[in-house]
Amino acid sequence: MNVNRLFVYGTLLAPELLRAIIGRSLQGVPAFLSGYSCYRVRRAAYPAVTREAGALTYGSLFSGIDRSQWESLDEFESNLYERHLVDVSLADESDVDAYTYVIANAHRDRLTCEAWDFEHFRRHHLNRYLRQLSD
């Protein structure tokens, strides 16, 4: 299956960060992922999702990701995450297949029980991420 859709829930919700990684702007649509919770990663400014019955994680869905962009995203996400094919729900209640980055089992102990806050990330950490990508 050649899926070109990406569901984002964390730092990549910042359009300027996604653009810096894949080299172009994309227009996302609101979406959510059932059965996954989003938590802050210990000693980090970013989150990760993990399977959790009954949970919902809200984010955005992007289409049109090509092979070189997947490679850039995989490099950015590092071995902390694994790219998983998931079922994402849209506002019109339809479902589509998309890839998302899920914390690797080997790193699950790095998750906290704290919800991650995108606005806090945007205010306090986004500029540092953008500077690191431009170096």
N, C-alpha and C. Protein backbone atom coordinates (compact mmCIF):
# COMPACT_ATOMS: atom_id res chain seq x y z
N MET A 1 0.85 -1.18 0.00
CA MET A 1 0.00 0.00 0.00
C MET A 1 0.89 1.24 0.00
N ASN A 2 0.59 2.15 -0.88
CA ASN A 2 1.38 3.37 -1.01
C ASN A 2 0.58 4.55 -0.45
N VAL A 3 0.63 4.73 0.85
CA VAL A 3 -0.11 5.79 1.52
C VAL A 3 0.76 7.05 1.57
N ASN A 4 0.20 8.17 1.15
CA ASN A 4 0.96 9.43 1.15
C ASN A 4 0.41 10.43 2.16
N ARG A 5 -0.33 9.93 3.16
CA ARG A 5 -0.93 10.81 4.16
C ARG A 5 -0.18 10.70 5.49
N LEU A 6 -0.08 11.84 6.18
CA LEU A 6 0.61 11.95 7.46
C LEU A 6 -0.33 12.58 8.47
N PHE A 7 -0.50 11.92 9.63
CA PHE A 7 -1.24 12.49 10.74
C PHE A 7 -0.22 13.02 11.73
N VAL A 8 -0.35 14.30 12.08
CA VAL A 8 0.54 14.92 13.06
C VAL A 8 -0.25 15.36 14.28
N TYR A 9 0.41 15.32 15.43
CA TYR A 9 -0.25 15.63 16.70
C TYR A 9 0.63 16.47 17.62
N GLY A 10 1.86 16.69 17.25
CA GLY A 10 2.81 17.35 18.16
C GLY A 10 3.50 18.52 17.50
N THR A 11 4.83 18.51 17.54
CA THR A 11 5.60 19.64 17.05
C THR A 11 5.31 19.95 15.58
N LEU A 12 4.97 18.93 14.81
CA LEU A 12 4.72 19.14 13.38
C LEU A 12 3.39 19.84 13.10
N LEU A 13 2.62 20.12 14.15
CA LEU A 13 1.44 20.97 13.98
C LEU A 13 1.84 22.40 13.62
N ALA A 14 3.08 22.77 13.89
CA ALA A 14 3.60 24.09 13.50
C ALA A 14 3.95 24.05 12.01
N PRO A 15 3.19 24.75 11.17
CA PRO A 15 3.42 24.66 9.72
C PRO A 15 4.85 25.03 9.31
N GLU A 16 5.44 25.99 10.03
CA GLU A 16 6.80 26.40 9.66
C GLU A 16 7.82 25.30 9.97
N LEU A 17 7.57 24.48 10.97
CA LEU A 17 8.47 23.37 11.28
C LEU A 17 8.32 22.26 10.25
N LEU A 18 7.10 21.92 9.91
CA LEU A 18 6.87 20.90 8.88
C LEU A 18 7.49 21.34 7.56
N ARG A 19 7.32 22.61 7.19
CA ARG A 19 7.91 23.14 5.95
C ARG A 19 9.43 23.05 5.99
N ALA A 20 10.03 23.36 7.13
CA ALA A 20 11.50 23.30 7.25
C ALA A 20 12.01 21.87 7.08
N ILE A 21 11.22 20.89 7.46
CA ILE A 21 11.65 19.49 7.37
C ILE A 21 11.44 18.92 5.98
N ILE A 22 10.27 19.18 5.38
CA ILE A 22 9.98 18.53 4.08
C ILE A 22 10.22 19.44 2.88
N GLY A 23 10.47 20.73 3.12
CA GLY A 23 10.84 21.62 2.03
C GLY A 23 9.69 22.26 1.29
N ARG A 24 8.47 22.10 1.79
CA ARG A 24 7.34 22.78 1.16
C ARG A 24 6.19 22.87 2.16
N SER A 25 5.27 23.77 1.86
CA SER A 25 4.10 23.95 2.72
C SER A 25 3.00 22.99 2.29
N LEU A 26 2.25 22.51 3.26
CA LEU A 26 1.09 21.66 3.00
C LEU A 26 -0.10 22.21 3.77
N GLN A 27 -1.27 21.99 3.23
CA GLN A 27 -2.50 22.39 3.90
C GLN A 27 -3.09 21.16 4.59
N GLY A 28 -3.19 21.22 5.90
CA GLY A 28 -3.74 20.11 6.65
C GLY A 28 -5.22 20.30 6.93
N VAL A 29 -5.85 19.21 7.33
CA VAL A 29 -7.25 19.25 7.75
C VAL A 29 -7.33 18.66 9.15
N PRO A 30 -8.25 19.18 9.99
CA PRO A 30 -8.39 18.64 11.33
C PRO A 30 -8.75 17.15 11.29
N ALA A 31 -8.17 16.40 12.20
CA ALA A 31 -8.42 14.96 12.24
C ALA A 31 -8.14 14.47 13.66
N PHE A 32 -8.53 13.23 13.92
CA PHE A 32 -8.20 12.65 15.21
C PHE A 32 -7.92 11.17 15.08
N LEU A 33 -7.19 10.69 16.05
CA LEU A 33 -6.72 9.32 16.10
C LEU A 33 -7.33 8.66 17.34
N SER A 34 -8.17 7.66 17.12
CA SER A 34 -8.81 6.95 18.23
C SER A 34 -7.87 5.86 18.75
N GLY A 35 -7.93 5.65 20.06
CA GLY A 35 -7.16 4.57 20.66
C GLY A 35 -5.71 4.91 20.95
N TYR A 36 -5.37 6.20 20.89
CA TYR A 36 -4.01 6.66 21.19
C TYR A 36 -4.09 7.88 22.10
N SER A 37 -3.17 7.95 23.06
CA SER A 37 -3.03 9.12 23.92
C SER A 37 -1.72 9.81 23.61
N CYS A 38 -1.72 11.12 23.80
CA CYS A 38 -0.55 11.94 23.55
C CYS A 38 -0.01 12.46 24.88
N TYR A 39 1.25 12.15 25.17
CA TYR A 39 1.89 12.56 26.42
C TYR A 39 3.23 13.22 26.14
N ARG A 40 3.64 14.05 27.07
CA ARG A 40 4.95 14.69 27.00
C ARG A 40 6.04 13.63 27.22
N VAL A 41 7.12 13.76 26.49
CA VAL A 41 8.27 12.89 26.67
C VAL A 41 9.16 13.49 27.76
N ARG A 42 9.61 12.67 28.67
CA ARG A 42 10.44 13.09 29.80
C ARG A 42 11.68 13.85 29.33
N ARG A 43 11.94 15.00 29.97
CA ARG A 43 13.09 15.86 29.68
C ARG A 43 13.15 16.29 28.21
N ALA A 44 11.97 16.55 27.63
CA ALA A 44 11.91 16.95 26.23
C ALA A 44 10.77 17.96 26.04
N ALA A 45 10.85 18.68 24.93
CA ALA A 45 9.82 19.67 24.61
C ALA A 45 8.76 19.10 23.68
N TYR A 46 8.84 17.83 23.36
CA TYR A 46 7.95 17.22 22.38
C TYR A 46 7.17 16.07 23.01
N PRO A 47 6.10 15.65 22.31
CA PRO A 47 5.26 14.56 22.81
C PRO A 47 5.47 13.28 22.01
N ALA A 48 4.73 12.27 22.41
CA ALA A 48 4.63 11.03 21.65
C ALA A 48 3.27 10.44 21.92
N VAL A 49 2.79 9.65 20.98
CA VAL A 49 1.55 8.93 21.20
C VAL A 49 1.85 7.48 21.50
N THR A 50 0.91 6.88 22.23
CA THR A 50 0.98 5.46 22.56
C THR A 50 -0.45 4.93 22.57
N ARG A 51 -0.58 3.65 22.28
CA ARG A 51 -1.91 3.03 22.28
C ARG A 51 -2.51 3.10 23.68
N GLU A 52 -3.78 3.49 23.74
CA GLU A 52 -4.51 3.53 25.00
C GLU A 52 -6.00 3.44 24.69
N ALA A 53 -6.62 2.38 25.13
CA ALA A 53 -8.04 2.15 24.84
C ALA A 53 -8.88 3.34 25.28
N GLY A 54 -9.80 3.73 24.41
CA GLY A 54 -10.74 4.80 24.73
C GLY A 54 -10.20 6.21 24.57
N ALA A 55 -8.94 6.35 24.25
CA ALA A 55 -8.32 7.68 24.15
C ALA A 55 -8.53 8.27 22.75
N LEU A 56 -8.38 9.59 22.67
CA LEU A 56 -8.42 10.32 21.41
C LEU A 56 -7.25 11.29 21.37
N THR A 57 -6.61 11.40 20.22
CA THR A 57 -5.57 12.40 20.02
C THR A 57 -5.97 13.23 18.82
N TYR A 58 -6.05 14.54 19.02
CA TYR A 58 -6.42 15.45 17.96
C TYR A 58 -5.17 15.97 17.26
N GLY A 59 -5.31 16.24 15.96
CA GLY A 59 -4.19 16.75 15.19
C GLY A 59 -4.63 17.19 13.82
N SER A 60 -3.72 17.05 12.86
CA SER A 60 -3.99 17.42 11.47
C SER A 60 -3.53 16.32 10.54
N LEU A 61 -4.23 16.22 9.43
CA LEU A 61 -3.90 15.24 8.40
C LEU A 61 -3.40 15.98 7.17
N PHE A 62 -2.25 15.52 6.65
CA PHE A 62 -1.65 16.09 5.45
C PHE A 62 -1.54 15.02 4.39
N SER A 63 -1.75 15.40 3.15
CA SER A 63 -1.66 14.47 2.02
C SER A 63 -0.54 14.91 1.09
N GLY A 64 -0.12 13.98 0.24
CA GLY A 64 0.86 14.30 -0.79
C GLY A 64 2.30 14.19 -0.34
N ILE A 65 2.57 13.39 0.69
CA ILE A 65 3.96 13.19 1.15
C ILE A 65 4.65 12.22 0.20
N ASP A 66 5.80 12.62 -0.34
CA ASP A 66 6.52 11.73 -1.26
C ASP A 66 7.68 11.02 -0.55
N ARG A 67 8.34 10.14 -1.27
CA ARG A 67 9.39 9.29 -0.68
C ARG A 67 10.50 10.10 -0.02
N SER A 68 10.99 11.14 -0.66
CA SER A 68 12.08 11.92 -0.07
C SER A 68 11.60 12.67 1.18
N GLN A 69 10.35 13.09 1.18
CA GLN A 69 9.81 13.76 2.36
C GLN A 69 9.64 12.77 3.51
N TRP A 70 9.23 11.53 3.21
CA TRP A 70 9.16 10.50 4.27
C TRP A 70 10.54 10.28 4.86
N GLU A 71 11.56 10.26 4.02
CA GLU A 71 12.93 10.07 4.52
C GLU A 71 13.33 11.22 5.45
N SER A 72 12.98 12.44 5.08
CA SER A 72 13.29 13.60 5.93
C SER A 72 12.53 13.53 7.25
N LEU A 73 11.27 13.13 7.18
CA LEU A 73 10.47 13.00 8.40
C LEU A 73 11.02 11.90 9.30
N ASP A 74 11.39 10.76 8.71
CA ASP A 74 11.95 9.65 9.49
C ASP A 74 13.23 10.09 10.20
N GLU A 75 14.07 10.84 9.51
CA GLU A 75 15.31 11.33 10.11
C GLU A 75 15.01 12.29 11.26
N PHE A 76 14.07 13.20 11.06
CA PHE A 76 13.70 14.15 12.10
C PHE A 76 13.16 13.42 13.33
N GLU A 77 12.32 12.44 13.13
CA GLU A 77 11.68 11.73 14.23
C GLU A 77 12.64 10.79 14.97
N SER A 78 13.68 10.35 14.33
CA SER A 78 14.74 9.52 14.93
C SER A 78 14.21 8.15 15.36
N ASN A 79 15.06 7.40 16.05
CA ASN A 79 14.67 6.05 16.46
C ASN A 79 13.79 6.05 17.71
N LEU A 80 13.47 7.22 18.22
CA LEU A 80 12.54 7.32 19.35
C LEU A 80 11.14 6.90 18.90
N TYR A 81 10.86 7.08 17.61
CA TYR A 81 9.54 6.81 17.06
C TYR A 81 9.60 5.74 15.98
N GLU A 82 8.45 5.12 15.77
CA GLU A 82 8.25 4.22 14.64
C GLU A 82 7.08 4.77 13.83
N ARG A 83 7.21 4.68 12.51
CA ARG A 83 6.11 5.14 11.66
C ARG A 83 5.10 4.00 11.54
N HIS A 84 3.86 4.27 11.96
CA HIS A 84 2.80 3.26 11.94
C HIS A 84 1.68 3.71 11.01
N LEU A 85 1.11 2.75 10.31
CA LEU A 85 -0.09 2.99 9.52
C LEU A 85 -1.29 2.90 10.46
N VAL A 86 -2.09 3.96 10.51
CA VAL A 86 -3.22 4.04 11.44
C VAL A 86 -4.47 4.48 10.69
N ASP A 87 -5.60 4.33 11.35
CA ASP A 87 -6.89 4.74 10.84
C ASP A 87 -7.22 6.09 11.47
N VAL A 88 -7.30 7.14 10.67
CA VAL A 88 -7.53 8.50 11.14
C VAL A 88 -8.94 8.93 10.77
N SER A 89 -9.61 9.60 11.70
CA SER A 89 -10.99 10.07 11.48
C SER A 89 -10.99 11.56 11.16
N LEU A 90 -11.85 11.92 10.22
CA LEU A 90 -12.01 13.31 9.80
C LEU A 90 -13.30 13.89 10.37
N ALA A 91 -13.46 15.19 10.24
CA ALA A 91 -14.62 15.88 10.78
C ALA A 91 -15.93 15.37 10.19
N ASP A 92 -15.89 14.92 8.93
CA ASP A 92 -17.12 14.42 8.28
C ASP A 92 -17.42 12.97 8.67
N GLU A 93 -16.68 12.46 9.64
CA GLU A 93 -16.83 11.12 10.19
C GLU A 93 -16.32 10.01 9.26
N SER A 94 -15.63 10.39 8.18
CA SER A 94 -14.99 9.39 7.34
C SER A 94 -13.64 9.03 7.94
N ASP A 95 -13.13 7.87 7.57
CA ASP A 95 -11.83 7.39 8.04
C ASP A 95 -10.91 7.19 6.85
N VAL A 96 -9.63 7.47 7.05
CA VAL A 96 -8.61 7.25 6.03
C VAL A 96 -7.38 6.63 6.67
N ASP A 97 -6.62 5.91 5.87
CA ASP A 97 -5.33 5.40 6.33
C ASP A 97 -4.30 6.51 6.24
N ALA A 98 -3.43 6.58 7.24
CA ALA A 98 -2.35 7.56 7.24
C ALA A 98 -1.24 7.01 8.11
N TYR A 99 -0.06 7.55 7.92
CA TYR A 99 1.05 7.22 8.81
C TYR A 99 1.13 8.26 9.91
N THR A 100 1.54 7.80 11.08
CA THR A 100 1.86 8.69 12.17
C THR A 100 3.06 8.12 12.90
N TYR A 101 3.69 8.94 13.71
CA TYR A 101 4.86 8.50 14.47
C TYR A 101 4.44 8.17 15.90
N VAL A 102 4.67 6.90 16.27
CA VAL A 102 4.31 6.36 17.58
C VAL A 102 5.60 6.07 18.33
N ILE A 103 5.62 6.33 19.62
CA ILE A 103 6.84 6.06 20.38
C ILE A 103 7.20 4.58 20.27
N ALA A 104 8.46 4.30 20.04
CA ALA A 104 8.93 2.91 19.94
C ALA A 104 8.82 2.23 21.29
N ASN A 105 8.49 0.96 21.28
CA ASN A 105 8.36 0.20 22.53
C ASN A 105 9.59 0.33 23.41
N ALA A 106 10.76 0.36 22.82
CA ALA A 106 12.01 0.45 23.59
C ALA A 106 12.12 1.76 24.37
N HIS A 107 11.31 2.76 24.00
CA HIS A 107 11.39 4.08 24.64
C HIS A 107 10.13 4.46 25.41
N ARG A 108 9.19 3.53 25.55
CA ARG A 108 7.93 3.85 26.24
C ARG A 108 8.15 4.36 27.66
N ASP A 109 9.23 3.94 28.29
CA ASP A 109 9.50 4.40 29.66
C ASP A 109 9.85 5.88 29.72
N ARG A 110 10.06 6.52 28.58
CA ARG A 110 10.35 7.96 28.55
C ARG A 110 9.09 8.82 28.56
N LEU A 111 7.93 8.19 28.38
CA LEU A 111 6.68 8.94 28.42
C LEU A 111 6.32 9.32 29.84
N THR A 112 5.82 10.54 29.99
CA THR A 112 5.28 10.96 31.28
C THR A 112 3.77 10.70 31.26
N CYS A 113 3.11 11.07 32.31
CA CYS A 113 1.64 11.00 32.36
C CYS A 113 1.03 12.37 32.08
N GLU A 114 1.87 13.33 31.69
CA GLU A 114 1.43 14.70 31.47
C GLU A 114 1.00 14.92 30.02
N ALA A 115 -0.13 15.59 29.86
CA ALA A 115 -0.56 15.98 28.52
C ALA A 115 0.43 16.98 27.95
N TRP A 116 0.62 16.96 26.65
CA TRP A 116 1.53 17.87 25.98
C TRP A 116 0.75 19.10 25.53
N ASP A 117 1.37 20.28 25.60
CA ASP A 117 0.71 21.54 25.29
C ASP A 117 1.38 22.20 24.08
N PHE A 118 0.68 22.20 22.95
CA PHE A 118 1.23 22.78 21.73
C PHE A 118 1.54 24.27 21.88
N GLU A 119 0.65 25.02 22.49
CA GLU A 119 0.87 26.47 22.63
C GLU A 119 2.11 26.76 23.47
N HIS A 120 2.35 25.97 24.50
CA HIS A 120 3.58 26.12 25.29
C HIS A 120 4.80 25.84 24.41
N PHE A 121 4.74 24.79 23.61
CA PHE A 121 5.83 24.48 22.69
C PHE A 121 6.06 25.65 21.73
N ARG A 122 4.99 26.17 21.15
CA ARG A 122 5.12 27.27 20.18
C ARG A 122 5.79 28.47 20.83
N ARG A 123 5.36 28.84 22.03
CA ARG A 123 5.90 30.03 22.70
C ARG A 123 7.34 29.84 23.18
N HIS A 124 7.69 28.67 23.67
CA HIS A 124 8.96 28.49 24.37
C HIS A 124 10.03 27.67 23.64
N HIS A 125 9.65 26.91 22.61
CA HIS A 125 10.63 26.00 22.01
C HIS A 125 10.71 26.03 20.49
N LEU A 126 9.67 26.47 19.81
CA LEU A 126 9.62 26.39 18.35
C LEU A 126 10.79 27.10 17.69
N ASN A 127 11.11 28.31 18.12
CA ASN A 127 12.21 29.05 17.48
C ASN A 127 13.54 28.30 17.57
N ARG A 128 13.78 27.65 18.69
CA ARG A 128 15.03 26.86 18.83
C ARG A 128 15.03 25.71 17.82
N TYR A 129 13.90 25.03 17.66
CA TYR A 129 13.81 23.94 16.69
C TYR A 129 14.10 24.44 15.28
N LEU A 130 13.51 25.57 14.93
CA LEU A 130 13.71 26.13 13.60
C LEU A 130 15.17 26.52 13.37
N ARG A 131 15.81 27.10 14.39
CA ARG A 131 17.22 27.46 14.26
C ARG A 131 18.08 26.22 14.06
N GLN A 132 17.81 25.14 14.81
CA GLN A 132 18.59 23.91 14.69
C GLN A 132 18.46 23.31 13.29
N LEU A 133 17.27 23.38 12.70
CA LEU A 133 17.07 22.83 11.36
C LEU A 133 17.76 23.66 10.29
N SER A 134 17.94 24.95 10.55
CA SER A 134 18.58 25.80 9.53
C SER A 134 20.10 25.79 9.63
N ASP A 135 20.64 25.24 10.70
CA ASP A 135 22.11 25.18 10.86
C ASP A 135 22.72 24.13 9.96
